[in-house]
C-alpha atoms as a PDB file:
ATOM      1  CA  MET A   1      16.156 -11.259 -14.796  1.00  0.00           C
ATOM      2  CA  ASP A   2      12.587 -10.989 -16.073  1.00  0.00           C
ATOM      3  CA  CYS A   3      10.096  -8.389 -14.885  1.00  0.00           C
ATOM      4  CA  ALA A   4       8.174 -10.865 -12.758  1.00  0.00           C
ATOM      5  CA  SER A   5      11.201 -11.459 -10.552  1.00  0.00           C
ATOM      6  CA  LYS A   6      11.999  -7.748 -10.268  1.00  0.00           C
ATOM      7  CA  HIS A   7       8.676  -6.603  -8.876  1.00  0.00           C
ATOM      8  CA  VAL A   8       6.326  -8.012  -6.299  1.00  0.00           C
ATOM      9  CA  MET A   9       2.904  -6.495  -6.777  1.00  0.00           C
ATOM     10  CA  ILE A  10       0.291  -6.859  -4.118  1.00  0.00           C
ATOM     11  CA  PHE A  11      -3.021  -6.086  -5.747  1.00  0.00           C
ATOM     12  CA  LYS A  12      -5.937  -4.625  -3.865  1.00  0.00           C
ATOM     13  CA  PHE A  13      -9.279  -6.060  -4.857  1.00  0.00           C
ATOM     14  CA  LYS A  14     -12.679  -5.147  -3.520  1.00  0.00           C
ATOM     15  CA  PHE A  15     -14.598  -8.396  -3.284  1.00  0.00           C
ATOM     16  CA  HIS A  16     -16.047 -10.573  -0.586  1.00  0.00           C
ATOM     17  CA  GLY A  17     -13.555 -13.002   0.856  1.00  0.00           C
ATOM     18  CA  PHE A  18     -10.453 -10.904   0.032  1.00  0.00           C
ATOM     19  CA  ARG A  19      -8.684 -11.561   3.342  1.00  0.00           C
ATOM     20  CA  LYS A  20      -9.382 -15.273   3.214  1.00  0.00           C
ATOM     21  CA  SER A  21      -8.110 -15.468  -0.365  1.00  0.00           C
ATOM     22  CA  LEU A  22      -5.024 -13.340   0.270  1.00  0.00           C
ATOM     23  CA  SER A  23      -4.298 -15.103   3.544  1.00  0.00           C
ATOM     24  CA  LYS A  24      -4.509 -18.502   1.874  1.00  0.00           C
ATOM     25  CA  PHE A  25      -2.385 -17.366  -1.075  1.00  0.00           C
ATOM     26  CA  PHE A  26       0.409 -15.985   1.128  1.00  0.00           C
ATOM     27  CA  GLY A  27      -0.062 -18.436   4.003  1.00  0.00           C
ATOM     28  CA  ILE A  28      -0.523 -15.564   6.466  1.00  0.00           C
ATOM     29  CA  GLU A  29      -3.657 -16.706   8.300  1.00  0.00           C
ATOM     30  CA  LYS A  30      -1.467 -17.832  11.186  1.00  0.00           C
ATOM     31  CA  PHE A  31      -0.027 -14.344  11.771  1.00  0.00           C
ATOM     32  CA  SER A  32      -1.570 -11.785  14.076  1.00  0.00           C
ATOM     33  CA  VAL A  33      -1.295  -8.007  13.748  1.00  0.00           C
ATOM     34  CA  PRO A  34       0.068  -6.081  16.765  1.00  0.00           C
ATOM     35  CA  GLU A  35      -2.596  -4.072  18.619  1.00  0.00           C
ATOM     36  CA  LEU A  36      -0.770  -0.778  17.969  1.00  0.00           C
ATOM     37  CA  ARG A  37      -0.938  -1.446  14.228  1.00  0.00           C
ATOM     38  CA  VAL A  38      -4.638  -2.362  14.457  1.00  0.00           C
ATOM     39  CA  GLN A  39      -5.307   0.997  16.142  1.00  0.00           C
ATOM     40  CA  GLN A  40      -3.318   2.821  13.460  1.00  0.00           C
ATOM     41  CA  PHE A  41      -5.204   0.990  10.704  1.00  0.00           C
ATOM     42  CA  GLN A  42      -8.551   1.917  12.288  1.00  0.00           C
ATOM     43  CA  ALA A  43      -7.589   5.612  12.255  1.00  0.00           C
ATOM     44  CA  LEU A  44      -6.827   5.663   8.520  1.00  0.00           C
ATOM     45  CA  ALA A  45      -9.007   7.250   5.872  1.00  0.00           C
ATOM     46  CA  SER A  46      -9.074   4.447   3.339  1.00  0.00           C
ATOM     47  CA  GLN A  47     -11.343   2.573   0.994  1.00  0.00           C
ATOM     48  CA  THR A  48      -9.876  -0.730   2.170  1.00  0.00           C
ATOM     49  CA  SER A  49     -11.535  -2.772   4.904  1.00  0.00           C
ATOM     50  CA  MET A  50      -9.783  -3.663   8.156  1.00  0.00           C
ATOM     51  CA  GLN A  51      -9.305  -7.215   6.912  1.00  0.00           C
ATOM     52  CA  GLU A  52      -7.650  -5.913   3.751  1.00  0.00           C
ATOM     53  CA  ARG A  53      -5.399  -3.582   5.748  1.00  0.00           C
ATOM     54  CA  GLU A  54      -4.310  -6.406   8.043  1.00  0.00           C
ATOM     55  CA  SER A  55      -3.686  -8.709   5.072  1.00  0.00           C
ATOM     56  CA  LEU A  56      -1.568  -6.136   3.239  1.00  0.00           C
ATOM     57  CA  TYR A  57       0.456  -5.541   6.412  1.00  0.00           C
ATOM     58  CA  SER A  58       0.915  -9.273   7.076  1.00  0.00           C
ATOM     59  CA  ALA A  59       1.934 -10.071   3.499  1.00  0.00           C
ATOM     60  CA  VAL A  60       4.808  -7.573   3.630  1.00  0.00           C
ATOM     61  CA  ARG A  61       5.675  -8.151   7.293  1.00  0.00           C
ATOM     62  CA  HIS A  62       5.779 -11.934   7.220  1.00  0.00           C
ATOM     63  CA  VAL A  63       6.117 -13.063   3.598  1.00  0.00           C
ATOM     64  CA  TYR A  64       8.126 -10.429   1.713  1.00  0.00           C
ATOM     65  CA  THR A  65      11.818 -11.400   1.584  1.00  0.00           C
ATOM     66  CA  GLY A  66      13.249  -8.219   0.088  1.00  0.00           C
ATOM     67  CA  GLU A  67      13.547  -9.722  -3.386  1.00  0.00           C
ATOM     68  CA  GLY A  68      11.987  -7.351  -5.905  1.00  0.00           C
ATOM     69  CA  ASP A  69       9.856  -4.326  -5.139  1.00  0.00           C
ATOM     70  CA  VAL A  70       6.451  -3.840  -3.564  1.00  0.00           C
ATOM     71  CA  TRP A  71       4.174  -1.549  -5.594  1.00  0.00           C
ATOM     72  CA  ASP A  72       0.936   0.068  -4.478  1.00  0.00           C
ATOM     73  CA  ILE A  73      -0.819   1.175  -7.654  1.00  0.00           C
ATOM     74  CA  GLY A  74      -3.726   3.526  -7.015  1.00  0.00           C
ATOM     75  CA  CYS A  75      -2.653   4.480  -3.504  1.00  0.00           C
ATOM     76  CA  ALA A  76      -4.993   7.520  -3.327  1.00  0.00           C
ATOM     77  CA  ALA A  77      -4.992   8.811   0.264  1.00  0.00           C
ATOM     78  CA  GLY A  78      -2.271   6.401   1.367  1.00  0.00           C
ATOM     79  CA  GLY A  79      -4.285   4.023   3.550  1.00  0.00           C
ATOM     80  CA  SER A  80      -3.066   0.875   1.846  1.00  0.00           C
ATOM     81  CA  SER A  81       0.396   2.421   1.441  1.00  0.00           C
ATOM     82  CA  PHE A  82       0.573   2.965   5.202  1.00  0.00           C
ATOM     83  CA  CYS A  83      -0.267  -0.704   5.820  1.00  0.00           C
ATOM     84  CA  LEU A  84       2.337  -1.918   3.342  1.00  0.00           C
ATOM     85  CA  GLY A  85       4.931   0.524   4.721  1.00  0.00           C
ATOM     86  CA  ALA A  86       4.165  -0.547   8.287  1.00  0.00           C
ATOM     87  CA  GLY A  87       4.664  -4.179   7.267  1.00  0.00           C
ATOM     88  CA  LEU A  88       8.004  -3.292   5.714  1.00  0.00           C
ATOM     89  CA  GLN A  89       8.995  -1.260   8.788  1.00  0.00           C
ATOM     90  CA  ASP A  90       8.228  -4.240  11.039  1.00  0.00           C
ATOM     91  CA  ASN A  91       9.860  -6.803   8.717  1.00  0.00           C
ATOM     92  CA  ARG A  92      13.088  -7.970  10.366  1.00  0.00           C
ATOM     93  CA  ASP A  93      14.491  -9.744   7.303  1.00  0.00           C
ATOM     94  CA  LEU A  94      17.888  -8.143   6.651  1.00  0.00           C
ATOM     95  CA  SER A  95      17.243  -8.355   2.907  1.00  0.00           C
ATOM     96  CA  CYS A  96      14.434  -5.808   3.356  1.00  0.00           C
ATOM     97  CA  GLN A  97      16.678  -3.082   4.754  1.00  0.00           C
ATOM     98  CA  GLY A  98      16.672  -0.019   2.534  1.00  0.00           C
ATOM     99  CA  LYS A  99      13.569  -1.171   0.638  1.00  0.00           C
ATOM    100  CA  THR A 100      10.577   1.079   0.054  1.00  0.00           C
ATOM    101  CA  VAL A 101       7.029   0.559  -1.155  1.00  0.00           C
ATOM    102  CA  LYS A 102       6.588   2.323  -4.505  1.00  0.00           C
ATOM    103  CA  CYS A 103       3.238   4.142  -4.325  1.00  0.00           C
ATOM    104  CA  PHE A 104       1.721   5.263  -7.626  1.00  0.00           C
ATOM    105  CA  ASP A 105      -1.317   7.471  -8.184  1.00  0.00           C
ATOM    106  CA  LEU A 106      -2.521  10.415 -10.241  1.00  0.00           C
ATOM    107  CA  PHE A 107      -2.865  12.536  -7.078  1.00  0.00           C
ATOM    108  CA  SER A 108      -5.431  14.544  -9.017  1.00  0.00           C
ATOM    109  CA  GLY A 109      -8.028  15.479  -6.405  1.00  0.00           C
ATOM    110  CA  TYR A 110      -9.812  12.177  -5.838  1.00  0.00           C
ATOM    111  CA  SER A 111      -8.746  11.751  -2.187  1.00  0.00           C
ATOM    112  CA  GLY A 112      -9.618  15.303  -1.206  1.00  0.00           C
ATOM    113  CA  ALA A 113     -13.094  14.849  -2.637  1.00  0.00           C
ATOM    114  CA  ALA A 114     -13.616  11.285  -1.355  1.00  0.00           C
ATOM    115  CA  PHE A 115     -12.665  12.130   2.225  1.00  0.00           C
ATOM    116  CA  ALA A 116     -13.834  15.788   2.335  1.00  0.00           C
ATOM    117  CA  ASN A 117     -16.482  15.035   4.972  1.00  0.00           C
ATOM    118  CA  SER A 118     -14.342  12.712   7.075  1.00  0.00           C
ATOM    119  CA  GLY A 119     -13.174  15.489   9.386  1.00  0.00           C
ATOM    120  CA  LYS A 120      -9.638  14.111   9.172  1.00  0.00           C
ATOM    121  CA  PHE A 121      -8.245  16.645   6.697  1.00  0.00           C
ATOM    122  CA  SER A 122      -8.349  20.401   6.175  1.00  0.00           C
ATOM    123  CA  PRO A 123     -10.603  21.560   3.342  1.00  0.00           C
ATOM    124  CA  GLY A 124      -8.719  22.036   0.102  1.00  0.00           C
ATOM    125  CA  MET A 125      -5.809  19.730   0.961  1.00  0.00           C
ATOM    126  CA  GLU A 126      -4.044  18.330  -2.083  1.00  0.00           C
ATOM    127  CA  ASP A 127      -4.025  14.551  -2.525  1.00  0.00           C
ATOM    128  CA  ILE A 128      -0.272  14.319  -2.041  1.00  0.00           C
ATOM    129  CA  GLU A 129      -0.613  16.259   1.239  1.00  0.00           C
ATOM    130  CA  ILE A 130      -3.227  13.777   2.441  1.00  0.00           C
ATOM    131  CA  PHE A 131      -0.987  10.883   1.389  1.00  0.00           C
ATOM    132  CA  ASN A 132       2.018  12.397   3.223  1.00  0.00           C
ATOM    133  CA  LEU A 133      -0.042  13.062   6.349  1.00  0.00           C
ATOM    134  CA  GLN A 134      -1.388   9.512   6.480  1.00  0.00           C
ATOM    135  CA  THR A 135       1.979   7.875   5.821  1.00  0.00           C
ATOM    136  CA  GLU A 136       4.072  10.218   7.972  1.00  0.00           C
ATOM    137  CA  SER A 137       5.100   7.588  10.537  1.00  0.00           C
ATOM    138  CA  VAL A 138       6.247   5.174   7.785  1.00  0.00           C
ATOM    139  CA  ALA A 139       7.658   7.862   5.456  1.00  0.00           C
ATOM    140  CA  ASP A 140      11.067   6.146   5.289  1.00  0.00           C
ATOM    141  CA  PHE A 141       9.363   3.052   3.881  1.00  0.00           C
ATOM    142  CA  VAL A 142       7.015   4.517   1.236  1.00  0.00           C
ATOM    143  CA  LYS A 143       7.754   6.587  -1.842  1.00  0.00           C
ATOM    144  CA  ALA A 144       4.935   8.367  -3.662  1.00  0.00           C
ATOM    145  CA  GLU A 145       5.204   8.911  -7.390  1.00  0.00           C
ATOM    146  CA  LYS A 146       2.709  10.554  -9.715  1.00  0.00           C
ATOM    147  CA  LEU A 147       1.790   8.105 -12.454  1.00  0.00           C
ATOM    148  CA  ASP A 148      -0.933   7.857 -15.060  1.00  0.00           C
ATOM    149  CA  LEU A 149      -1.091   4.188 -16.017  1.00  0.00           C
ATOM    150  CA  VAL A 150      -2.681   4.927 -19.366  1.00  0.00           C
ATOM    151  CA  THR A 151      -0.252   7.594 -20.564  1.00  0.00           C
ATOM    152  CA  ASP A 152       2.943   6.929 -18.653  1.00  0.00           C
ATOM    153  CA  LEU A 153       3.014   3.206 -19.345  1.00  0.00           C
ATOM    154  CA  ALA A 154       1.731   3.375 -22.940  1.00  0.00           C
ATOM    155  CA  GLY A 155       5.199   2.736 -24.383  1.00  0.00           C
ATOM    156  CA  ILE A 156       6.009  -0.284 -22.233  1.00  0.00           C
ATOM    157  CA  SER A 157       5.892  -3.670 -23.932  1.00  0.00           C
ATOM    158  CA  ARG A 158       2.747  -5.668 -23.225  1.00  0.00           C
ATOM    159  CA  GLU A 159       5.016  -8.553 -22.208  1.00  0.00           C
ATOM    160  CA  VAL A 160       6.184  -6.519 -19.203  1.00  0.00           C
ATOM    161  CA  LEU A 161       2.641  -5.750 -18.129  1.00  0.00           C
END
């Protein structure tokens, strides 16, 4: 089995039209997001827009079949990870049981600094604490791992990447 079939990566891009592009790619424009999830997404500290959060949720909730893994690379404070984990939690496909979203980041102080004035977190909280707080209700569906893409993946064949 090649790497492409082992891992499903949902990339987060910051550009105009992201939801429309992602929705068209995954065919998820026909799916709605439950109101409870919308409220949870609105409460997140995240650099993703509401449309991006809903798209990430819908892609994992309605399209992901359990084949391969879902990775969130650069998960920072866990906003996107929460959305992906919520989608996995709500996914009723039996093949998804026992699956988790692999969440990779440096957890090196970026989130604490980026959201210091948000009023959502105590001063001095570590990034991993912020991540755990934000993903608490989907903790069984997300797994945070410290990873430096430059150093930790330096030895991996370019064919895999």
